[in-house]
Protein backbone atom coordinates (compact mmCIF):
# COMPACT_ATOMS: atom_id res chain seq x y z
CA MET A 1 -23.55 -4.37 26.65
CA GLY A 2 -27.41 -4.23 27.16
CA LEU A 3 -28.08 -4.92 23.63
CA LEU A 4 -26.83 -8.80 24.19
CA VAL A 5 -29.19 -9.23 26.95
CA ARG A 6 -32.26 -7.82 25.15
CA TYR A 7 -31.98 -9.40 21.64
CA ALA A 8 -31.09 -12.95 21.47
CA GLY A 9 -30.80 -12.64 17.62
CA PHE A 10 -28.18 -9.95 18.06
CA ARG A 11 -26.32 -11.95 20.61
CA TRP A 12 -25.74 -14.61 18.33
CA MET A 13 -24.88 -13.00 15.40
CA TRP A 14 -22.18 -10.79 17.32
CA SER A 15 -20.59 -13.84 18.75
CA GLY A 16 -20.64 -15.30 15.37
CA GLN A 17 -18.71 -12.41 14.06
CA LEU A 18 -16.33 -12.18 17.16
CA LEU A 19 -15.22 -15.70 16.48
CA SER A 20 -14.57 -15.33 12.45
CA GLN A 21 -12.89 -12.00 12.94
CA LEU A 22 -10.77 -13.24 15.53
CA GLY A 23 -9.44 -16.12 13.33
CA ASN A 24 -9.11 -13.85 10.26
CA ALA A 25 -6.82 -11.43 12.04
CA VAL A 26 -4.30 -14.03 12.98
CA PHE A 27 -4.36 -15.67 9.58
CA TYR A 28 -4.10 -12.22 7.99
CA VAL A 29 -0.79 -11.16 10.04
CA MET A 30 0.81 -14.32 9.38
CA GLY A 31 -0.12 -14.70 5.70
CA LEU A 32 0.65 -10.86 4.76
CA TRP A 33 4.11 -11.00 6.84
CA GLU A 34 5.12 -14.36 5.26
CA ILE A 35 4.14 -12.79 1.56
CA GLN A 36 6.49 -9.83 2.03
CA LEU A 37 9.13 -11.91 3.35
CA LYS A 38 9.13 -13.54 -0.27
CA SER A 39 8.52 -10.53 -2.36
CA PRO A 40 7.03 -7.18 -1.60
CA PHE A 41 5.43 -7.22 -4.70
CA LEU A 42 3.36 -10.14 -4.04
CA LEU A 43 1.81 -7.78 -1.26
CA SER A 44 0.11 -6.08 -4.19
CA ILE A 45 -1.19 -9.30 -5.69
CA ALA A 46 -2.47 -10.21 -2.09
CA GLY A 47 -4.11 -6.78 -1.93
CA ILE A 48 -5.63 -7.25 -5.38
CA ALA A 49 -7.05 -10.77 -3.94
CA MET A 50 -8.57 -8.90 -0.55
CA THR A 51 -10.33 -6.53 -2.81
CA VAL A 52 -11.24 -7.41 -6.28
CA PRO A 53 -13.99 -9.84 -4.82
CA GLY A 54 -15.48 -7.01 -2.76
CA LEU A 55 -16.55 -5.42 -6.06
CA MET A 56 -19.27 -8.50 -6.34
CA GLY A 57 -21.00 -6.51 -3.56
CA MET A 58 -23.73 -5.30 -5.52
CA VAL A 59 -24.22 -9.19 -7.06
CA GLY A 60 -24.35 -9.93 -3.48
CA GLY A 61 -26.89 -7.53 -2.43
CA VAL A 62 -29.24 -8.44 -4.81
CA PHE A 63 -29.22 -12.09 -3.73
CA VAL A 64 -29.82 -10.81 -0.23
CA ASP A 65 -32.80 -8.93 -1.27
CA ARG A 66 -34.21 -12.20 -3.22
CA TYR A 67 -33.39 -14.78 -0.74
CA ASP A 68 -33.05 -15.39 3.03
CA PRO A 69 -30.07 -13.39 4.25
CA ARG A 70 -29.88 -15.49 7.14
CA ARG A 71 -29.04 -18.60 5.09
CA ILE A 72 -26.48 -16.74 2.96
CA MET A 73 -24.42 -15.77 6.05
CA LEU A 74 -24.49 -19.38 7.20
CA LEU A 75 -23.32 -20.73 3.66
CA THR A 76 -20.63 -18.21 3.12
CA ASP A 77 -19.36 -19.12 6.48
CA ILE A 78 -19.42 -22.98 5.96
CA LEU A 79 -17.89 -22.49 2.50
CA ARG A 80 -15.27 -20.33 3.77
CA GLY A 81 -14.08 -22.90 6.42
CA LEU A 82 -13.65 -25.48 3.85
CA ALA A 83 -11.82 -23.59 1.49
CA VAL A 84 -9.05 -22.81 4.21
CA VAL A 85 -9.15 -26.69 5.18
CA LEU A 86 -8.67 -27.61 1.51
CA GLY A 87 -5.69 -24.98 1.53
CA LEU A 88 -4.08 -26.62 4.63
CA VAL A 89 -4.33 -29.85 2.59
CA ALA A 90 -2.44 -27.78 0.08
CA LEU A 91 0.29 -27.15 2.23
CA VAL A 92 1.86 -30.32 1.75
CA HIS A 93 4.28 -28.54 -0.21
CA PRO A 94 5.72 -25.77 1.62
CA ALA A 95 6.28 -23.65 -1.70
CA PHE A 96 2.65 -23.40 -2.03
CA LEU A 97 2.14 -21.14 0.97
CA VAL A 98 2.42 -17.68 -0.38
CA TRP A 99 -0.05 -18.64 -3.22
CA VAL A 100 -2.29 -20.98 -0.84
CA VAL A 101 -2.78 -17.58 1.22
CA ILE A 102 -3.55 -15.31 -1.72
CA VAL A 103 -6.37 -17.74 -3.05
CA LEU A 104 -7.82 -17.98 0.51
CA LEU A 105 -7.51 -13.91 0.96
CA GLY A 106 -9.44 -13.67 -2.17
CA ILE A 107 -11.96 -16.43 -1.38
CA ASN A 108 -12.84 -14.96 2.24
CA GLN A 109 -13.32 -11.52 0.54
CA LEU A 110 -15.82 -13.12 -2.03
CA GLY A 111 -17.63 -14.48 0.88
CA ASN A 112 -17.66 -11.05 2.26
CA ALA A 113 -19.62 -9.77 -0.77
CA ALA A 114 -22.33 -11.57 0.19
CA PHE A 115 -22.07 -11.65 3.91
CA SER A 116 -21.59 -8.11 4.61
CA PRO A 117 -24.76 -6.73 2.84
CA ALA A 118 -26.59 -9.64 4.52
CA GLU A 119 -25.87 -8.39 8.27
CA THR A 120 -26.31 -4.81 7.35
CA VAL A 121 -29.83 -5.83 6.03
CA LEU A 122 -30.63 -8.19 9.24
CA LEU A 123 -29.36 -5.78 11.94
CA PRO A 124 -32.36 -3.28 11.56
CA MET A 125 -34.60 -6.47 12.06
CA ILE A 126 -33.05 -7.59 14.90
CA VAL A 127 -32.87 -4.55 17.17
CA ARG A 128 -35.54 -1.65 17.35
CA ASP A 129 -34.88 1.76 15.79
CA GLU A 130 -33.89 3.65 18.73
CA ASP A 131 -30.93 0.89 19.72
CA LEU A 132 -29.55 0.92 15.95
CA THR A 133 -27.01 3.37 16.49
CA ALA A 134 -25.63 1.52 19.56
CA ALA A 135 -26.03 -1.79 17.74
CA ASN A 136 -23.92 -0.69 14.97
CA GLY A 137 -21.31 0.82 17.14
CA LEU A 138 -21.01 -2.05 19.16
CA TYR A 139 -20.97 -4.46 16.17
CA SER A 140 -18.10 -2.30 14.69
CA LEU A 141 -16.40 -2.22 18.04
CA THR A 142 -16.44 -6.17 18.36
CA SER A 143 -15.09 -6.77 14.80
CA GLN A 144 -12.40 -4.44 15.38
CA LEU A 145 -11.64 -5.48 18.90
CA ALA A 146 -11.45 -8.92 17.52
CA SER A 147 -8.86 -7.85 14.55
CA ALA A 148 -6.93 -5.88 17.41
CA VAL A 149 -6.40 -8.62 19.52
CA GLY A 150 -5.91 -11.41 16.48
CA SER A 151 -3.46 -8.91 15.08
CA ALA A 152 -1.69 -8.64 18.25
CA ILE A 153 -1.04 -12.36 18.92
CA GLY A 154 -0.62 -13.00 15.04
CA GLY A 155 2.96 -12.56 14.65
CA ALA A 156 3.65 -14.36 17.85
CA ALA A 157 1.19 -17.18 17.08
CA VAL A 158 3.09 -18.15 13.94
CA ALA A 159 6.49 -18.61 15.94
CA ALA A 160 4.64 -20.18 18.86
CA ILE A 161 2.31 -22.70 17.31
CA GLY A 162 3.16 -22.79 13.69
CA ILE A 163 1.56 -22.05 10.31
CA ARG A 164 -0.50 -25.25 9.90
CA ILE A 165 -2.34 -24.53 13.05
CA VAL A 166 -2.95 -20.90 12.29
CA PHE A 167 -5.02 -22.20 9.15
CA GLY A 168 -6.95 -24.70 11.64
CA MET A 169 -8.09 -22.00 13.74
CA ASP A 170 -9.35 -20.07 11.02
CA ALA A 171 -11.48 -22.98 9.50
CA ALA A 172 -12.74 -23.47 13.00
CA SER A 173 -13.41 -20.06 13.64
CA PHE A 174 -15.63 -19.92 10.65
CA TRP A 175 -17.61 -23.03 11.60
CA LEU A 176 -18.01 -21.58 14.70
CA SER A 177 -19.54 -18.85 13.34
CA ALA A 178 -21.68 -20.61 11.09
CA LEU A 179 -23.01 -22.44 14.35
CA ALA A 180 -23.32 -19.16 16.10
CA ILE A 181 -25.59 -17.89 12.84
CA LEU A 182 -27.60 -21.17 12.93
CA LEU A 183 -28.64 -20.52 16.53
CA MET A 184 -29.53 -16.72 15.43
CA MET A 185 -31.66 -18.21 12.91
CA LYS A 186 -34.06 -19.61 15.51
CA SER A 187 -34.67 -16.42 17.17
CA VAL A 188 -34.71 -14.21 14.15
CA THR A 189 -37.84 -14.40 11.64
CA TRP A 190 -37.37 -13.41 7.95
CA LYS A 191 -40.29 -13.83 6.08
CA GLY A 192 -39.09 -12.85 2.71
CA PRO A 193 -38.81 -9.56 0.46
CA ALA A 194 -42.80 -9.14 -0.22
CA SER A 195 -44.13 -9.81 3.67
CA ASP A 196 -44.67 -6.28 4.46
CA ALA A 197 -46.97 -5.87 1.57
CA PRO A 198 -50.40 -7.59 1.42
CA GLN A 199 -51.01 -9.58 -1.78
CA THR A 200 -54.76 -9.88 -2.91
CA ASN A 201 -53.79 -11.79 -6.27
CA PRO A 202 -52.14 -14.95 -5.76
CA ASP A 203 -50.29 -14.10 -9.29
CA ASN A 204 -48.38 -11.26 -7.79
CA ALA A 205 -46.01 -13.76 -5.61
CA GLU A 206 -45.15 -15.37 -9.05
CA ASN A 207 -44.48 -12.15 -10.94
CA ALA A 208 -42.13 -10.92 -8.00
CA SER A 209 -40.24 -14.12 -8.16
CA SER A 210 -39.76 -14.08 -11.91
CA SER A 211 -38.33 -10.49 -11.80
CA SER A 212 -35.14 -10.36 -13.75
CA PHE A 213 -31.79 -10.05 -11.96
CA LEU A 214 -31.13 -7.22 -14.43
CA SER A 215 -33.98 -5.54 -12.78
CA SER A 216 -33.29 -5.90 -9.32
CA PHE A 217 -29.83 -4.38 -9.92
CA ARG A 218 -31.47 -1.50 -11.55
CA GLU A 219 -33.71 -0.69 -8.65
CA GLY A 220 -30.54 -0.88 -6.49
CA LEU A 221 -28.91 1.96 -8.59
CA ALA A 222 -32.01 3.79 -8.25
CA GLY A 223 -31.96 3.52 -4.61
CA PHE A 224 -28.28 4.83 -4.54
CA ARG A 225 -29.29 7.71 -6.66
CA ARG A 226 -31.99 8.66 -3.95
CA VAL A 227 -28.93 9.85 -1.84
CA PRO A 228 -27.60 12.18 -4.32
CA ILE A 229 -24.82 13.32 -2.62
CA LEU A 230 -23.19 9.72 -2.36
CA VAL A 231 -22.78 10.28 -5.98
CA ARG A 232 -21.05 13.81 -5.63
CA LEU A 233 -18.87 12.32 -3.06
CA LEU A 234 -17.87 9.18 -5.00
CA PRO A 235 -14.76 10.44 -6.83
CA ALA A 236 -13.37 11.79 -3.37
CA VAL A 237 -14.32 8.45 -1.72
CA ILE A 238 -12.62 6.74 -4.59
CA LEU A 239 -9.39 8.54 -4.25
CA THR A 240 -9.17 8.15 -0.57
CA ASN A 241 -9.74 4.33 -0.77
CA PHE A 242 -7.01 3.99 -3.38
CA SER A 243 -4.71 5.76 -1.25
CA TYR A 244 -5.43 4.06 1.76
CA ALA A 245 -5.40 0.65 0.12
CA ALA A 246 -1.77 1.39 -1.11
CA ALA A 247 -0.38 2.51 2.05
CA PHE A 248 -2.17 -0.46 4.29
CA THR A 249 -0.94 -3.14 1.52
CA MET A 250 2.57 -2.00 1.85
CA MET A 251 2.08 -1.60 5.92
CA PRO A 252 4.32 -4.79 6.52
CA TYR A 253 6.91 -3.70 4.29
CA TRP A 254 6.97 -0.19 5.70
CA ILE A 255 7.21 -1.51 9.38
CA HIS A 256 10.26 -3.71 8.02
CA HIS A 257 11.72 -1.29 6.22
CA HIS A 258 11.00 2.15 7.45
CA LEU A 259 10.69 1.39 11.13
CA HIS A 260 13.16 -1.46 11.04
CA ALA A 261 10.85 -3.35 13.24
CA GLY A 262 9.55 -7.27 13.07
CA VAL A 263 6.55 -9.16 12.71
CA SER A 264 5.37 -8.70 16.41
CA TRP A 265 5.46 -5.13 15.62
CA TYR A 266 3.63 -5.20 12.64
CA GLY A 267 0.84 -7.36 14.60
CA LEU A 268 0.93 -4.53 17.44
CA VAL A 269 0.75 -1.60 14.92
CA ASP A 270 -2.02 -3.21 12.91
CA ALA A 271 -3.99 -3.95 16.22
CA ALA A 272 -3.44 -0.35 17.10
CA TRP A 273 -5.59 0.83 14.11
CA ALA A 274 -8.15 -1.86 14.96
CA GLY A 275 -8.21 -0.88 18.56
CA GLY A 276 -8.66 2.99 17.48
CA LEU A 277 -11.77 1.68 15.15
CA VAL A 278 -13.17 -0.14 18.66
CA LEU A 279 -12.88 3.13 20.66
CA GLY A 280 -14.53 4.92 17.66
CA GLY A 281 -17.33 2.27 17.90
CA LEU A 282 -17.67 2.88 21.48
CA ALA A 283 -17.96 6.74 20.81
CA SER A 284 -20.25 6.55 18.16
CA GLY A 285 -23.24 6.75 20.34
CA TYR A 286 -22.03 10.25 21.28
CA PHE A 287 -21.18 11.48 18.00
CA GLY A 288 -24.47 10.05 16.27
CA LYS A 289 -26.10 12.87 17.96
CA TRP A 290 -24.14 15.23 15.63
CA PRO A 291 -25.32 16.66 12.50
CA LEU A 292 -23.98 14.16 9.81
CA GLN A 293 -22.00 16.81 8.19
CA ARG A 294 -20.28 17.75 11.43
CA SER A 295 -19.31 14.48 12.03
CA LEU A 296 -17.75 13.54 8.38
CA VAL A 297 -15.88 16.95 8.29
CA VAL A 298 -14.70 16.88 12.00
CA GLY A 299 -13.74 13.04 11.79
CA GLY A 300 -11.87 13.54 8.12
CA LEU A 301 -9.85 16.46 9.41
CA VAL A 302 -8.68 14.44 12.41
CA LEU A 303 -8.23 11.33 10.67
CA ALA A 304 -5.84 13.57 8.23
CA ALA A 305 -4.15 14.77 11.05
CA PHE A 306 -3.29 11.82 13.05
CA THR A 307 -2.32 10.05 9.61
CA THR A 308 0.20 12.69 8.94
CA GLY A 309 1.51 11.97 12.31
CA PHE A 310 2.03 8.23 11.44
CA ALA A 311 3.78 8.93 8.31
CA LEU A 312 6.16 11.12 9.99
CA ALA A 313 6.72 8.93 13.04
CA GLY A 314 10.26 7.32 13.46
CA THR A 315 9.50 4.56 16.38
CA PRO A 316 7.09 1.67 16.32
CA PRO A 317 5.59 3.06 19.65
CA LEU A 318 4.88 6.38 18.39
CA ALA A 319 3.70 4.91 15.11
CA ALA A 320 1.26 2.65 17.04
CA GLY A 321 -0.16 5.35 19.26
CA LEU A 322 -0.88 7.91 16.27
CA LEU A 323 -2.33 4.96 14.38
CA LEU A 324 -4.89 4.13 17.12
CA MET A 325 -6.20 7.66 17.11
CA ALA A 326 -6.60 7.71 13.27
CA GLY A 327 -8.45 4.57 13.86
CA LEU A 328 -10.84 6.10 16.51
CA ALA A 329 -11.83 8.90 14.05
CA ASN A 330 -12.32 6.25 11.17
CA GLY A 331 -14.59 4.43 13.44
CA VAL A 332 -16.71 6.93 14.50
CA VAL A 333 -17.61 8.13 10.77
CA ASN A 334 -18.17 4.48 9.76
CA ALA A 335 -20.76 3.87 12.38
CA VAL A 336 -22.52 7.24 12.07
CA VAL A 337 -22.68 7.02 8.41
CA PHE A 338 -24.03 3.32 8.30
CA THR A 339 -26.66 4.13 10.79
CA PHE A 340 -27.68 7.18 8.88
CA LEU A 341 -27.99 4.89 5.64
CA GLN A 342 -29.97 2.22 7.30
CA ARG A 343 -32.15 4.56 8.36
CA ILE A 344 -32.68 6.24 4.82
CA ILE A 345 -32.80 3.61 2.53
CA PRO A 346 -35.84 1.91 2.09
CA SER A 347 -35.75 -1.71 3.56
CA GLU A 348 -36.92 -3.61 0.20
CA ILE A 349 -33.82 -2.65 -1.46
CA ARG A 350 -31.50 -1.98 1.42
CA GLY A 351 -29.44 -4.90 0.33
CA ARG A 352 -28.63 -3.91 -3.33
CA VAL A 353 -28.13 -0.31 -2.24
CA PHE A 354 -25.34 -1.45 0.36
CA GLY A 355 -23.97 -4.04 -1.98
CA LEU A 356 -23.70 -1.47 -4.58
CA ILE A 357 -22.35 1.14 -1.93
CA PHE A 358 -19.38 -1.61 -0.84
CA ALA A 359 -18.78 -2.11 -4.63
CA LEU A 360 -18.47 1.47 -5.86
CA PHE A 361 -16.56 2.78 -2.63
CA GLY A 362 -14.34 -0.12 -3.15
CA ILE A 363 -13.60 -0.08 -6.68
CA ALA A 364 -10.25 1.78 -6.47
CA MET A 365 -8.81 -0.67 -3.84
CA PRO A 366 -7.42 -3.47 -6.27
CA LEU A 367 -5.77 -0.44 -7.95
CA GLY A 368 -4.22 0.99 -5.03
CA SER A 369 -2.85 -2.35 -4.00
CA LEU A 370 -1.41 -2.89 -7.37
CA ALA A 371 0.20 0.86 -7.43
CA ALA A 372 1.70 0.07 -3.94
CA GLY A 373 3.88 -2.68 -5.88
CA VAL A 374 4.35 -0.86 -9.11
CA PHE A 375 5.70 2.21 -7.41
CA LEU A 376 7.75 0.51 -4.74
CA HIS A 377 10.75 1.34 -5.98
CA VAL A 378 9.73 4.16 -8.07
CA LEU A 379 8.49 6.70 -5.58
CA PRO A 380 9.28 7.44 -1.89
CA LEU A 381 7.93 4.84 0.26
CA TRP A 382 5.61 7.54 1.90
CA TRP A 383 3.93 8.39 -1.23
CA ALA A 384 0.70 6.63 -0.26
CA TRP A 385 0.47 8.31 2.98
CA ALA A 386 0.80 11.56 1.58
CA LEU A 387 -2.17 11.14 -1.07
CA SER A 388 -4.34 9.31 2.04
CA ILE A 389 -4.03 12.67 4.14
CA ALA A 390 -4.56 15.15 0.72
CA ALA A 391 -7.63 12.59 0.10
CA GLU A 392 -9.09 13.08 3.58
CA ILE A 393 -8.83 16.94 3.50
CA LEU A 394 -10.40 16.96 -0.05
CA LEU A 395 -13.19 14.50 1.02
CA SER A 396 -14.00 16.96 4.19
CA ALA A 397 -13.69 20.04 2.32
CA GLN A 398 -16.56 18.68 -0.05
CA CYS A 399 -18.69 17.78 2.63
CA LEU A 400 -18.46 21.01 4.02
CA ARG A 401 -19.70 22.36 0.92
CA GLU A 402 -22.70 20.38 0.94
CA ASN A 403 -24.79 22.22 3.47
CA GLU A 404 -28.14 22.04 1.69
CA ALA A 405 -27.67 18.47 0.60
CA PHE A 406 -26.97 17.31 4.22
CA ARG A 407 -29.91 19.56 5.63
CA GLU A 408 -32.53 17.61 2.87
CA MET A 409 -30.94 14.17 3.82
CA GLU A 410 -31.41 14.44 7.78
CA GLY A 411 -34.97 16.11 7.11
CA ALA A 412 -35.84 12.72 5.26
CA GLN A 413 -34.23 10.80 8.40
CA ASN A 414 -37.78 9.29 9.57
CA PRO A 415 -37.51 5.63 9.59
CA SER A 416 -41.25 5.25 9.35
CA ALA A 417 -41.47 7.21 6.32
CA MET A 418 -38.51 5.48 4.56
CA SER A 419 -39.09 1.96 4.94
CA VAL A 420 -41.86 -0.42 3.53
């Protein structure tokens, strides 16, 4: 927590994230439970709405590299808060609830397509390099802690305070987050994409500003190729995301029909996953000292083992405990990988590269969400969990074979050499 004292900009960005994630978590639990009560297949539509906009991450990354990422974060939070208010107005007719929720889930993720690359780019500007791993861990911890708390109270909140108040809470969380970002902007200076390079010719600025959007996209793709192991691991990552998207899309249905539990247990099981990610964020500082290859292999195998346990669990408490441990492994891997990439990707194209990473790694998630509904009554309910376990083992095995590539990347992990 010393980071919150030392860096005012980080403190405000952290506060904004805490507020918006908390409101979102309550809204998600309410929305997805109401949807599965109407039709399990509509969960697939909701899953697509939550993932397709994420494929715009590369476009968002281009804007982040060309414009002030602080203002992008501010604008997306304001617009998402406004969208929730409009959705609340649309609830004058209760029959619109499911489709309003689906539309709002899509709008929220569309905002994330710009917001996530922006905050990823800003973080190395806010904290010193020696604090970057701890900052990533704390940032991930806060996000998932808010999700865990929000999920845990989400089911109870619907019964206790009503759906419309949940909508209002979500809108307020976005606007409070926007206020925190506005305060962060006073502490963090952004001088523009070309600020690090001296310009002796006044035409340089004009040439830079007139570079085409397509050129920016190509530069981001070239930056992605600077880490060739990401290209080679992409098929296994896509398979993993496809299978987990299918499994988590049907989670409310799994809790309702496999574990025979209600909305409160759905919130608690979902909170267990988020709580595991919190613990993983806390532990990431220690595992950040490990070689990256070891972190990925061990983390992937541990995740597969506890996912297996969850799929076989027959009671909600046991399922929640096992999913907690699976989330812990996933949280460690996420924080370690993001820190590594932030260090090795040049700062002038970081937004585009992270946007492309978000888009490519998430490309199979809409298909996974759709498959969950299509195969609901065709395949056994556990098919997506079985495929997730197989995909994690495959990804770990592939990482294990990439000894030389990991050594080369870790040898290039010199922040001063890789940034502009």
